[in-house]
C-alpha cells in the first residue's frame, strides 16, 4: 500500500508531495494503451 507520493520535475510540476493517502487507483501503461479512454467512461 502506498502511503506517500513525491514527484519531482514531472511534466509541468517542479515538486508535488501527497501524504496520508486514502484508497487510490492508479492506471499505469504505455502510450496508446487507452488510459485516457478509461477516464472518459468513469
PDB file of N, CA and C in Angstrom:
ATOM      1  N   UNK A   1       0.848  -1.179   0.000  1.00  0.00           N
ATOM      2  CA  UNK A   1       0.000   0.000   0.000  1.00  0.00           C
ATOM      3  C   UNK A   1       0.889   1.237   0.000  1.00  0.00           C
ATOM      4  N   UNK A   2       0.549   2.182  -0.849  1.00  0.00           N
ATOM      5  CA  UNK A   2       1.273   3.449  -0.885  1.00  0.00           C
ATOM      6  C   UNK A   2       0.781   4.347   0.245  1.00  0.00           C
ATOM      7  N   UNK A   3       1.707   4.977   0.927  1.00  0.00           N
ATOM      8  CA  UNK A   3       1.342   5.921   1.978  1.00  0.00           C
ATOM      9  C   UNK A   3       1.780   7.340   1.649  1.00  0.00           C
ATOM     10  N   UNK A   4       2.659   7.482   0.647  1.00  0.00           N
ATOM     11  CA  UNK A   4       3.160   8.806   0.278  1.00  0.00           C
ATOM     12  C   UNK A   4       3.611   8.777  -1.182  1.00  0.00           C
ATOM     13  N   UNK A   5       3.396   9.887  -1.893  1.00  0.00           N
ATOM     14  CA  UNK A   5       3.871  10.040  -3.265  1.00  0.00           C
ATOM     15  C   UNK A   5       4.620  11.362  -3.358  1.00  0.00           C
ATOM     16  N   UNK A   6       5.839  11.310  -3.872  1.00  0.00           N
ATOM     17  CA  UNK A   6       6.639  12.510  -4.116  1.00  0.00           C
ATOM     18  C   UNK A   6       7.019  12.536  -5.582  1.00  0.00           C
ATOM     19  N   UNK A   7       6.701  13.638  -6.272  1.00  0.00           N
ATOM     20  CA  UNK A   7       7.069  13.800  -7.678  1.00  0.00           C
ATOM     21  C   UNK A   7       7.976  15.013  -7.795  1.00  0.00           C
ATOM     22  N   UNK A   8       9.036  14.856  -8.561  1.00  0.00           N
ATOM     23  CA  UNK A   8       9.960  15.971  -8.801  1.00  0.00           C
ATOM     24  C   UNK A   8      10.218  16.056 -10.294  1.00  0.00           C
ATOM     25  N   UNK A   9      10.076  17.272 -10.839  1.00  0.00           N
ATOM     26  CA  UNK A   9      10.308  17.522 -12.264  1.00  0.00           C
ATOM     27  C   UNK A   9       9.493  16.582 -13.143  1.00  0.00           C
ATOM     28  N   UNK A  10       8.216  16.458 -12.845  1.00  0.00           N
ATOM     29  CA  UNK A  10       7.317  15.600 -13.603  1.00  0.00           C
ATOM     30  C   UNK A  10       6.382  16.477 -14.418  1.00  0.00           C
ATOM     31  N   UNK A  11       6.510  16.434 -15.741  1.00  0.00           N
ATOM     32  CA  UNK A  11       5.736  17.283 -16.662  1.00  0.00           C
ATOM     33  C   UNK A  11       5.878  18.740 -16.247  1.00  0.00           C
ATOM     34  N   UNK A  12       4.772  19.492 -16.044  1.00  0.00           N
ATOM     35  CA  UNK A  12       4.946  20.913 -15.713  1.00  0.00           C
ATOM     36  C   UNK A  12       5.185  21.165 -14.221  1.00  0.00           C
ATOM     37  N   UNK A  13       5.272  20.115 -13.396  1.00  0.00           N
ATOM     38  CA  UNK A  13       5.393  20.295 -11.948  1.00  0.00           C
ATOM     39  C   UNK A  13       6.848  20.246 -11.508  1.00  0.00           C
ATOM     40  N   UNK A  14       7.243  21.216 -10.694  1.00  0.00           N
ATOM     41  CA  UNK A  14       8.583  21.159 -10.101  1.00  0.00           C
ATOM     42  C   UNK A  14       8.610  20.122  -8.988  1.00  0.00           C
ATOM     43  N   UNK A  15       7.698  20.250  -8.036  1.00  0.00           N
ATOM     44  CA  UNK A  15       7.586  19.274  -6.957  1.00  0.00           C
ATOM     45  C   UNK A  15       6.123  19.106  -6.576  1.00  0.00           C
ATOM     46  N   UNK A  16       5.802  17.916  -6.133  1.00  0.00           N
ATOM     47  CA  UNK A  16       4.457  17.624  -5.647  1.00  0.00           C
ATOM     48  C   UNK A  16       4.586  16.512  -4.629  1.00  0.00           C
ATOM     49  N   UNK A  17       3.974  16.689  -3.462  1.00  0.00           N
ATOM     50  CA  UNK A  17       4.039  15.671  -2.410  1.00  0.00           C
ATOM     51  C   UNK A  17       2.643  15.426  -1.866  1.00  0.00           C
ATOM     52  N   UNK A  18       2.254  14.165  -1.851  1.00  0.00           N
ATOM     53  CA  UNK A  18       0.983  13.744  -1.246  1.00  0.00           C
ATOM     54  C   UNK A  18       1.310  12.802  -0.114  1.00  0.00           C
ATOM     55  N   UNK A  19       0.710  13.015   1.046  1.00  0.00           N
ATOM     56  CA  UNK A  19       0.872  12.083   2.159  1.00  0.00           C
ATOM     57  C   UNK A  19      -0.507  11.776   2.732  1.00  0.00           C
ATOM     58  N   UNK A  20      -0.558  10.807   3.596  1.00  0.00           N
ATOM     59  CA  UNK A  20      -1.828  10.358   4.192  1.00  0.00           C
ATOM     60  C   UNK A  20      -2.845  10.017   3.112  1.00  0.00           C
ATOM     61  N   UNK A  21      -2.422   9.236   2.133  1.00  0.00           N
ATOM     62  CA  UNK A  21      -3.307   8.855   1.031  1.00  0.00           C
ATOM     63  C   UNK A  21      -4.374   7.882   1.521  1.00  0.00           C
ATOM     64  N   UNK A  22      -5.572   8.088   1.058  1.00  0.00           N
ATOM     65  CA  UNK A  22      -6.647   7.125   1.284  1.00  0.00           C
ATOM     66  C   UNK A  22      -6.624   6.106   0.159  1.00  0.00           C
ATOM     67  N   UNK A  23      -7.670   5.318   0.030  1.00  0.00           N
ATOM     68  CA  UNK A  23      -7.726   4.354  -1.070  1.00  0.00           C
ATOM     69  C   UNK A  23      -7.604   5.067  -2.419  1.00  0.00           C
ATOM     70  N   UNK A  24      -6.701   4.593  -3.263  1.00  0.00           N
ATOM     71  CA  UNK A  24      -6.429   5.230  -4.550  1.00  0.00           C
ATOM     72  C   UNK A  24      -6.284   4.181  -5.636  1.00  0.00           C
ATOM     73  N   UNK A  25      -6.635   4.560  -6.847  1.00  0.00           N
ATOM     74  CA  UNK A  25      -6.431   3.719  -8.016  1.00  0.00           C
ATOM     75  C   UNK A  25      -5.458   4.416  -8.937  1.00  0.00           C
ATOM     76  N   UNK A  26      -4.507   3.663  -9.479  1.00  0.00           N
ATOM     77  CA  UNK A  26      -3.535   4.201 -10.412  1.00  0.00           C
ATOM     78  C   UNK A  26      -3.606   3.399 -11.699  1.00  0.00           C
ATOM     79  N   UNK A  27      -3.630   4.084 -12.816  1.00  0.00           N
ATOM     80  CA  UNK A  27      -3.612   3.422 -14.121  1.00  0.00           C
ATOM     81  C   UNK A  27      -2.236   3.659 -14.733  1.00  0.00           C
ATOM     82  N   UNK A  28      -1.516   2.593 -14.965  1.00  0.00           N
ATOM     83  CA  UNK A  28      -0.166   2.684 -15.495  1.00  0.00           C
ATOM     84  C   UNK A  28      -0.108   1.893 -16.787  1.00  0.00           C
ATOM     85  N   UNK A  29       0.452   2.486 -17.823  1.00  0.00           N
ATOM     86  CA  UNK A  29       0.590   1.777 -19.091  1.00  0.00           C
ATOM     87  C   UNK A  29       1.306   2.644 -20.105  1.00  0.00           C
ATOM     88  N   UNK A  30       1.695   2.032 -21.172  1.00  0.00           N
ATOM     89  CA  UNK A  30       2.403   2.733 -22.227  1.00  0.00           C
ATOM     90  C   UNK A  30       1.488   3.635 -23.031  1.00  0.00           C
ATOM     91  N   UNK A  31       2.082   4.400 -23.933  1.00  0.00           N
ATOM     92  CA  UNK A  31       1.307   5.253 -24.830  1.00  0.00           C
ATOM     93  C   UNK A  31       0.389   4.386 -25.681  1.00  0.00           C
ATOM     94  N   UNK A  32      -0.829   4.853 -25.893  1.00  0.00           N
ATOM     95  CA  UNK A  32      -1.774   4.133 -26.736  1.00  0.00           C
ATOM     96  C   UNK A  32      -2.419   2.938 -26.050  1.00  0.00           C
ATOM     97  N   UNK A  33      -2.352   2.860 -24.729  1.00  0.00           N
ATOM     98  CA  UNK A  33      -2.953   1.713 -24.038  1.00  0.00           C
ATOM     99  C   UNK A  33      -4.321   2.046 -23.445  1.00  0.00           C
ATOM    100  N   UNK A  34      -4.956   3.140 -23.887  1.00  0.00           N
ATOM    101  CA  UNK A  34      -6.330   3.528 -23.535  1.00  0.00           C
ATOM    102  C   UNK A  34      -6.522   3.967 -22.088  1.00  0.00           C
ATOM    103  N   UNK A  35      -5.512   4.524 -21.449  1.00  0.00           N
ATOM    104  CA  UNK A  35      -5.690   5.061 -20.095  1.00  0.00           C
ATOM    105  C   UNK A  35      -6.676   6.225 -20.103  1.00  0.00           C
ATOM    106  N   UNK A  36      -6.541   7.126 -21.069  1.00  0.00           N
ATOM    107  CA  UNK A  36      -7.432   8.284 -21.161  1.00  0.00           C
ATOM    108  C   UNK A  36      -8.857   7.848 -21.462  1.00  0.00           C
ATOM    109  N   UNK A  37      -9.027   6.826 -22.270  1.00  0.00           N
ATOM    110  CA  UNK A  37     -10.355   6.289 -22.569  1.00  0.00           C
ATOM    111  C   UNK A  37     -11.048   5.852 -21.280  1.00  0.00           C
ATOM    112  N   UNK A  38     -10.325   5.184 -20.398  1.00  0.00           N
ATOM    113  CA  UNK A  38     -10.911   4.743 -19.121  1.00  0.00           C
ATOM    114  C   UNK A  38     -11.398   5.924 -18.286  1.00  0.00           C
ATOM    115  N   UNK A  39     -10.645   7.030 -18.289  1.00  0.00           N
ATOM    116  CA  UNK A  39     -11.089   8.215 -17.544  1.00  0.00           C
ATOM    117  C   UNK A  39     -12.378   8.777 -18.139  1.00  0.00           C
ATOM    118  N   UNK A  40     -12.537   8.689 -19.447  1.00  0.00           N
ATOM    119  CA  UNK A  40     -13.713   9.232 -20.107  1.00  0.00           C
ATOM    120  C   UNK A  40     -14.988   8.461 -19.810  1.00  0.00           C
ATOM    121  N   UNK A  41     -14.889   7.182 -19.497  1.00  0.00           N
ATOM    122  CA  UNK A  41     -16.111   6.393 -19.256  1.00  0.00           C
ATOM    123  C   UNK A  41     -16.444   6.279 -17.783  1.00  0.00           C
ATOM    124  N   UNK A  42     -15.649   6.886 -16.915  1.00  0.00           N
ATOM    125  CA  UNK A  42     -15.908   6.805 -15.471  1.00  0.00           C
ATOM    126  C   UNK A  42     -16.949   7.818 -15.076  1.00  0.00           C
TER     127      UNK A  42
END
